[in-house]
N, C-alpha and C. Protein backbone atom coordinates (compact mmCIF):
# COMPACT_ATOMS: atom_id res chain seq x y z
N MET A 1 76.90 127.48 117.95
CA MET A 1 78.31 127.52 117.79
C MET A 1 78.53 126.82 118.98
N CYS A 2 80.00 125.94 119.07
CA CYS A 2 81.17 125.76 120.35
C CYS A 2 81.91 126.66 120.33
N PHE A 3 82.15 127.49 119.53
CA PHE A 3 83.43 127.84 120.07
C PHE A 3 83.54 129.80 119.72
N ASN A 4 83.94 130.56 120.53
CA ASN A 4 84.24 131.62 120.49
C ASN A 4 85.66 132.36 120.16
N GLY A 5 86.16 131.29 118.61
CA GLY A 5 87.16 131.82 117.94
C GLY A 5 87.31 133.14 117.27
N ALA A 6 88.61 133.61 117.19
CA ALA A 6 88.38 135.40 116.97
C ALA A 6 89.20 134.72 115.08
N ASN A 7 88.48 135.77 114.38
CA ASN A 7 89.14 135.84 112.91
C ASN A 7 90.47 136.47 112.65
N SER A 8 90.62 135.37 112.01
CA SER A 8 92.36 136.23 111.24
C SER A 8 92.22 136.41 110.02
N SER A 9 92.93 137.95 110.27
CA SER A 9 92.97 138.28 108.68
C SER A 9 93.75 137.48 107.39
N ARG A 10 94.27 136.48 107.99
CA ARG A 10 94.88 135.36 106.52
C ARG A 10 93.51 134.66 106.19
N LYS A 11 92.35 134.63 106.74
CA LYS A 11 91.40 133.77 106.75
C LYS A 11 90.82 134.45 105.50
N GLN A 12 90.60 133.59 104.21
CA GLN A 12 89.70 134.17 103.24
C GLN A 12 89.15 133.28 102.82
N THR A 13 87.56 134.01 103.08
CA THR A 13 86.35 133.13 102.82
C THR A 13 85.81 132.44 101.33
N LEU A 14 85.59 131.39 100.90
CA LEU A 14 85.86 131.24 99.35
C LEU A 14 83.75 130.96 99.30
N GLY A 15 83.38 131.42 98.32
CA GLY A 15 82.07 131.08 98.05
C GLY A 15 80.71 131.21 99.17
N GLY A 16 79.85 131.29 98.68
CA GLY A 16 78.82 131.87 99.81
C GLY A 16 77.86 130.15 100.00
N ARG A 17 78.66 129.20 99.64
CA ARG A 17 77.80 128.01 100.05
C ARG A 17 77.24 127.47 101.71
N MET A 18 76.16 126.70 101.90
CA MET A 18 75.60 126.51 103.76
C MET A 18 76.82 125.18 103.11
N ILE A 19 77.60 124.73 104.35
CA ILE A 19 77.93 123.48 103.93
C ILE A 19 77.89 123.60 105.97
N ARG A 20 77.42 122.32 105.99
CA ARG A 20 77.23 121.51 107.65
C ARG A 20 77.34 120.28 107.49
N ALA A 21 78.44 120.02 109.48
CA ALA A 21 79.10 118.99 109.66
C ALA A 21 78.20 118.49 110.98
N THR A 22 78.50 116.85 110.96
CA THR A 22 77.75 116.55 111.68
C THR A 22 78.65 115.70 112.23
N THR A 23 79.31 115.76 113.44
CA THR A 23 80.42 114.56 114.20
C THR A 23 79.29 113.89 115.52
N LYS A 24 79.95 112.49 115.20
CA LYS A 24 79.11 111.66 116.33
C LYS A 24 80.35 111.55 117.76
N ARG A 25 81.27 112.08 117.50
CA ARG A 25 82.16 111.91 118.61
C ARG A 25 82.91 113.28 119.18
N VAL A 26 84.19 113.40 119.86
CA VAL A 26 85.10 114.45 119.95
C VAL A 26 86.30 114.36 119.26
N TRP A 27 86.50 115.45 117.92
CA TRP A 27 87.54 115.22 117.56
C TRP A 27 88.61 116.08 117.52
N GLU A 28 89.73 115.66 117.56
CA GLU A 28 91.11 116.58 117.57
C GLU A 28 90.63 117.84 116.17
N MET A 29 90.69 118.72 116.56
CA MET A 29 91.09 119.68 115.15
C MET A 29 91.88 120.77 115.20
N LEU A 30 92.29 121.14 114.14
CA LEU A 30 93.02 122.40 114.38
C LEU A 30 93.20 123.82 114.61
N ASP A 31 93.49 124.24 115.18
CA ASP A 31 93.04 126.33 115.62
C ASP A 31 94.58 127.08 114.93
N TYR A 32 94.59 127.25 113.37
CA TYR A 32 95.41 127.50 112.67
C TYR A 32 96.00 129.47 113.48
N SER A 33 94.67 129.90 114.17
CA SER A 33 95.50 130.83 114.87
C SER A 33 96.74 130.77 116.10
N LYS A 34 96.95 129.46 116.13
CA LYS A 34 97.71 129.42 118.12
C LYS A 34 99.25 128.87 116.57
N PRO A 35 100.48 128.85 117.79
CA PRO A 35 101.75 128.60 117.22
C PRO A 35 101.21 127.20 116.84
N ARG A 36 102.28 126.44 115.66
CA ARG A 36 102.64 124.83 115.61
C ARG A 36 101.83 123.78 116.58
N ASN A 37 102.84 123.90 117.58
CA ASN A 37 103.02 123.05 119.03
C ASN A 37 101.69 123.32 120.00
N GLU A 38 100.76 124.35 120.00
CA GLU A 38 99.79 124.60 120.57
C GLU A 38 98.28 124.86 119.74
N ASP A 39 98.49 124.05 118.67
CA ASP A 39 97.36 124.28 117.74
C ASP A 39 96.51 123.20 117.84
N LYS A 40 96.05 122.39 118.65
CA LYS A 40 94.76 121.41 118.57
C LYS A 40 94.06 122.05 119.60
N THR A 41 92.80 121.55 119.60
CA THR A 41 91.35 122.08 119.78
C THR A 41 90.23 120.42 119.89
N GLU A 42 89.23 120.57 121.04
CA GLU A 42 88.71 119.81 120.62
C GLU A 42 87.22 120.26 120.52
N LEU A 43 86.01 119.08 119.28
CA LEU A 43 85.34 119.65 118.78
C LEU A 43 84.73 118.59 119.51
N GLN A 44 83.28 119.39 119.79
CA GLN A 44 82.35 118.10 120.64
C GLN A 44 81.15 117.34 119.65
N PRO A 45 81.02 116.74 120.01
CA PRO A 45 79.81 115.97 118.84
C PRO A 45 78.57 117.08 118.60
N GLY A 46 78.34 117.21 117.48
CA GLY A 46 77.21 117.78 117.13
C GLY A 46 77.09 118.74 115.65
N THR A 47 76.33 119.11 115.97
CA THR A 47 75.82 119.88 113.87
C THR A 47 76.36 121.26 113.98
N TYR A 48 76.93 121.79 113.03
CA TYR A 48 78.61 123.12 112.83
C TYR A 48 78.21 123.20 111.67
N GLU A 49 77.87 125.06 111.68
CA GLU A 49 77.75 125.76 109.68
C GLU A 49 79.50 125.72 110.08
N LEU A 50 79.76 125.23 108.85
CA LEU A 50 81.36 125.55 108.10
C LEU A 50 81.75 126.46 107.27
N GLU A 51 82.85 126.86 107.15
CA GLU A 51 82.56 127.45 106.07
C GLU A 51 84.35 127.57 105.02
N ARG A 52 84.54 127.23 104.31
CA ARG A 52 85.29 127.37 103.15
C ARG A 52 86.48 128.58 102.94
N ILE A 53 88.09 128.24 103.11
CA ILE A 53 88.63 129.28 103.27
C ILE A 53 89.64 128.64 102.58
N SER A 54 90.43 129.61 102.08
CA SER A 54 91.98 128.96 101.23
C SER A 54 92.91 128.76 102.67
N ASN A 55 93.60 128.12 101.91
CA ASN A 55 94.15 126.86 103.22
C ASN A 55 95.29 128.21 103.79
N PRO A 56 95.40 128.38 105.18
CA PRO A 56 95.85 129.09 106.15
C PRO A 56 97.48 129.08 105.94
N HIS A 57 98.00 127.64 105.63
CA HIS A 57 99.38 127.20 105.63
C HIS A 57 99.86 127.98 104.44
N GLY A 58 99.37 128.58 103.48
CA GLY A 58 99.97 128.77 102.26
C GLY A 58 99.93 127.62 101.17
N PHE A 59 99.27 126.24 101.31
CA PHE A 59 99.37 125.39 100.41
C PHE A 59 98.28 124.94 99.87
N GLU A 60 98.16 123.83 98.45
CA GLU A 60 97.21 124.02 98.17
C GLU A 60 96.40 123.02 98.71
N GLY A 61 94.88 123.23 97.99
CA GLY A 61 93.53 122.80 98.98
C GLY A 61 92.91 123.49 99.74
N ASN A 62 91.71 123.39 100.12
CA ASN A 62 90.68 124.36 100.76
C ASN A 62 90.95 123.89 102.25
N TRP A 63 90.36 124.49 102.98
CA TRP A 63 90.17 123.73 104.33
C TRP A 63 88.13 124.51 104.83
N LEU A 64 88.13 123.47 105.25
CA LEU A 64 86.78 123.97 106.03
C LEU A 64 86.85 124.08 107.27
N VAL A 65 86.40 125.20 107.93
CA VAL A 65 85.97 125.78 109.41
C VAL A 65 85.12 126.08 109.79
N VAL A 66 85.08 125.84 111.22
CA VAL A 66 84.10 125.94 112.21
C VAL A 66 83.37 127.66 111.81
N LYS A 67 82.59 127.85 111.25
CA LYS A 67 81.68 129.64 110.68
C LYS A 67 82.86 130.24 111.88
N GLY A 68 83.06 131.43 112.03
CA GLY A 68 83.28 132.05 112.70
C GLY A 68 84.39 132.07 113.26
N THR A 69 85.05 130.84 113.18
CA THR A 69 86.06 130.47 113.96
C THR A 69 87.52 130.24 113.51
N THR A 70 88.79 130.19 113.51
CA THR A 70 90.39 129.59 112.79
C THR A 70 89.88 128.44 113.39
N ILE A 71 89.03 127.43 113.34
CA ILE A 71 88.92 125.62 113.51
C ILE A 71 88.23 125.24 112.75
N GLY A 72 89.47 123.71 112.61
CA GLY A 72 88.70 123.02 111.32
C GLY A 72 90.35 122.08 110.90
N MET A 73 89.84 121.62 109.54
CA MET A 73 91.29 121.52 108.95
C MET A 73 90.83 121.26 107.50
N SER A 74 91.72 120.27 106.23
CA SER A 74 91.74 120.77 105.23
C SER A 74 90.25 119.69 104.36
N GLU A 75 89.94 120.22 103.54
CA GLU A 75 88.61 119.39 102.99
C GLU A 75 88.50 118.28 103.09
N GLY A 76 90.13 117.64 102.09
CA GLY A 76 89.63 116.70 101.89
C GLY A 76 90.48 115.50 103.20
N ALA A 77 90.44 116.24 104.33
CA ALA A 77 90.46 115.30 105.93
C ALA A 77 89.24 115.25 106.04
N TRP A 78 88.34 116.10 105.85
CA TRP A 78 86.71 116.32 106.74
C TRP A 78 85.96 115.05 106.04
N LYS A 79 86.51 114.69 104.20
CA LYS A 79 85.96 114.26 103.79
C LYS A 79 86.27 112.66 103.83
N GLN A 80 87.76 112.28 104.06
CA GLN A 80 87.80 111.24 104.17
C GLN A 80 86.82 110.58 104.95
N TRP A 81 86.46 110.90 106.26
CA TRP A 81 85.68 110.49 107.12
C TRP A 81 84.04 109.58 106.90
N ILE A 82 83.89 110.55 105.93
CA ILE A 82 82.48 110.36 105.32
C ILE A 82 82.08 108.70 104.90
N ASN A 83 81.22 108.16 105.34
CA ASN A 83 80.93 106.50 105.00
C ASN A 83 80.91 105.88 103.83
N GLY A 84 81.15 105.07 103.38
CA GLY A 84 81.25 104.78 102.00
C GLY A 84 82.74 104.88 101.55
N VAL A 85 83.67 105.90 101.95
CA VAL A 85 85.25 106.25 101.16
C VAL A 85 85.76 104.82 101.42
N LEU A 86 86.19 104.61 100.14
CA LEU A 86 87.12 103.00 99.98
C LEU A 86 88.16 103.06 100.26
N ALA A 87 88.21 101.82 100.87
CA ALA A 87 89.54 101.45 101.64
C ALA A 87 90.61 101.87 100.40
N ASP A 88 91.46 102.40 101.13
CA ASP A 88 92.69 102.43 99.81
C ASP A 88 94.45 101.73 100.78
N ARG A 89 94.45 100.95 101.60
CA ARG A 89 95.74 100.71 101.59
C ARG A 89 96.13 98.90 100.72
N GLU A 90 96.40 99.62 100.08
CA GLU A 90 96.57 98.26 99.40
C GLU A 90 97.39 96.88 100.60
N GLY A 91 96.54 95.92 100.33
CA GLY A 91 97.09 94.55 101.32
C GLY A 91 96.44 94.19 102.14
N HIS A 92 95.26 95.48 102.41
CA HIS A 92 94.67 95.38 103.69
C HIS A 92 93.35 94.53 103.13
N PRO A 93 92.76 93.55 104.13
CA PRO A 93 91.44 92.88 103.60
C PRO A 93 90.13 93.93 102.98
N ASN A 94 90.36 94.73 103.53
CA ASN A 94 88.96 95.11 102.87
C ASN A 94 90.01 96.82 101.76
N PHE A 95 90.70 96.22 101.67
CA PHE A 95 91.14 97.05 99.75
C PHE A 95 89.92 97.35 98.96
N GLY A 96 89.70 98.72 98.25
CA GLY A 96 88.46 98.99 97.78
C GLY A 96 87.32 98.83 97.98
N LYS A 97 86.95 98.51 99.58
CA LYS A 97 85.47 98.10 100.04
C LYS A 97 85.08 99.10 100.56
N PRO A 98 83.88 99.90 100.45
CA PRO A 98 83.13 101.15 101.22
C PRO A 98 83.59 100.83 102.50
N ILE A 99 84.02 101.64 103.40
CA ILE A 99 84.45 101.69 104.65
C ILE A 99 83.14 102.01 105.56
N ASN A 100 82.86 101.86 106.73
CA ASN A 100 81.79 102.42 107.32
C ASN A 100 82.41 102.46 108.96
N TRP A 101 82.67 104.03 109.23
CA TRP A 101 83.43 104.42 110.21
C TRP A 101 82.09 104.61 111.50
N GLY A 102 81.15 104.03 111.53
CA GLY A 102 80.99 104.14 113.09
C GLY A 102 80.42 105.62 113.52
N ASP A 103 81.21 105.33 114.55
CA ASP A 103 80.87 106.87 115.68
C ASP A 103 81.79 107.64 115.31
N ALA A 104 83.41 107.67 114.37
CA ALA A 104 83.68 108.08 113.81
C ALA A 104 83.50 109.36 112.67
N GLU A 105 82.50 108.45 111.63
CA GLU A 105 81.47 109.40 110.53
C GLU A 105 81.35 110.83 110.89
N ILE A 106 81.73 111.64 109.79
CA ILE A 106 81.60 112.94 109.56
C ILE A 106 80.63 113.01 107.99
N VAL A 107 79.48 113.05 108.74
CA VAL A 107 78.29 113.62 107.54
C VAL A 107 78.29 115.14 107.44
N LEU A 108 79.27 114.96 105.92
CA LEU A 108 79.37 116.61 105.40
C LEU A 108 77.68 116.72 104.77
N GLU A 109 77.50 118.31 104.57
CA GLU A 109 76.35 118.72 103.82
C GLU A 109 76.50 120.14 102.92
N GLU A 110 75.99 119.99 101.87
CA GLU A 110 76.81 120.79 100.95
C GLU A 110 74.57 121.94 100.73
N ASN A 111 74.61 122.71 100.83
CA ASN A 111 73.33 123.40 100.19
C ASN A 111 72.04 122.49 100.15
N GLY A 112 71.88 121.73 101.86
CA GLY A 112 71.56 120.41 102.28
C GLY A 112 71.30 119.61 101.45
N GLN A 113 72.11 119.07 100.38
CA GLN A 113 72.61 117.92 99.99
C GLN A 113 73.55 117.32 100.61
N LEU A 114 73.80 115.70 100.96
CA LEU A 114 74.66 114.85 101.45
C LEU A 114 75.79 115.13 100.57
N ILE A 115 76.74 115.11 101.18
CA ILE A 115 78.18 115.42 99.72
C ILE A 115 78.65 113.73 100.06
N PRO A 116 78.63 113.16 98.86
CA PRO A 116 79.22 111.57 98.88
C PRO A 116 80.60 111.50 98.99
N PRO A 117 80.85 110.16 99.25
CA PRO A 117 82.21 109.76 99.80
C PRO A 117 82.93 110.12 98.52
N PRO A 118 84.23 111.07 98.97
CA PRO A 118 85.67 110.83 97.70
C PRO A 118 85.63 109.85 96.58
N THR A 119 85.77 109.48 95.72
CA THR A 119 86.15 108.53 94.92
C THR A 119 87.58 108.04 94.13
N ASP A 120 88.33 109.03 94.94
CA ASP A 120 90.08 109.39 94.55
C ASP A 120 90.83 109.02 95.56
């Protein structure tokens, strides 16, 4: 693990499933334990164990954070970087076609199974 983040009392872990993320480049992530204007931190390329938590800001949608830290982003934000997600910007020449993110791809696994790209 690349961080020594502090646990927050606002963090509520959901479920006990093993989630892993593999990143191929540096990603700017949010650290929800810090004030809004100081909440950005870098996640280095590598494989990380994640945990699913309720949204730390009280909104709908779960977050995935690096296990033992307060660093991550919404689950939907992680999933939008899976290769094969469909381009959804109308008018774009690749609208409706699967995207290959190259170095920006994030590979997600849950309980040893690849998480497929979202379809919505």
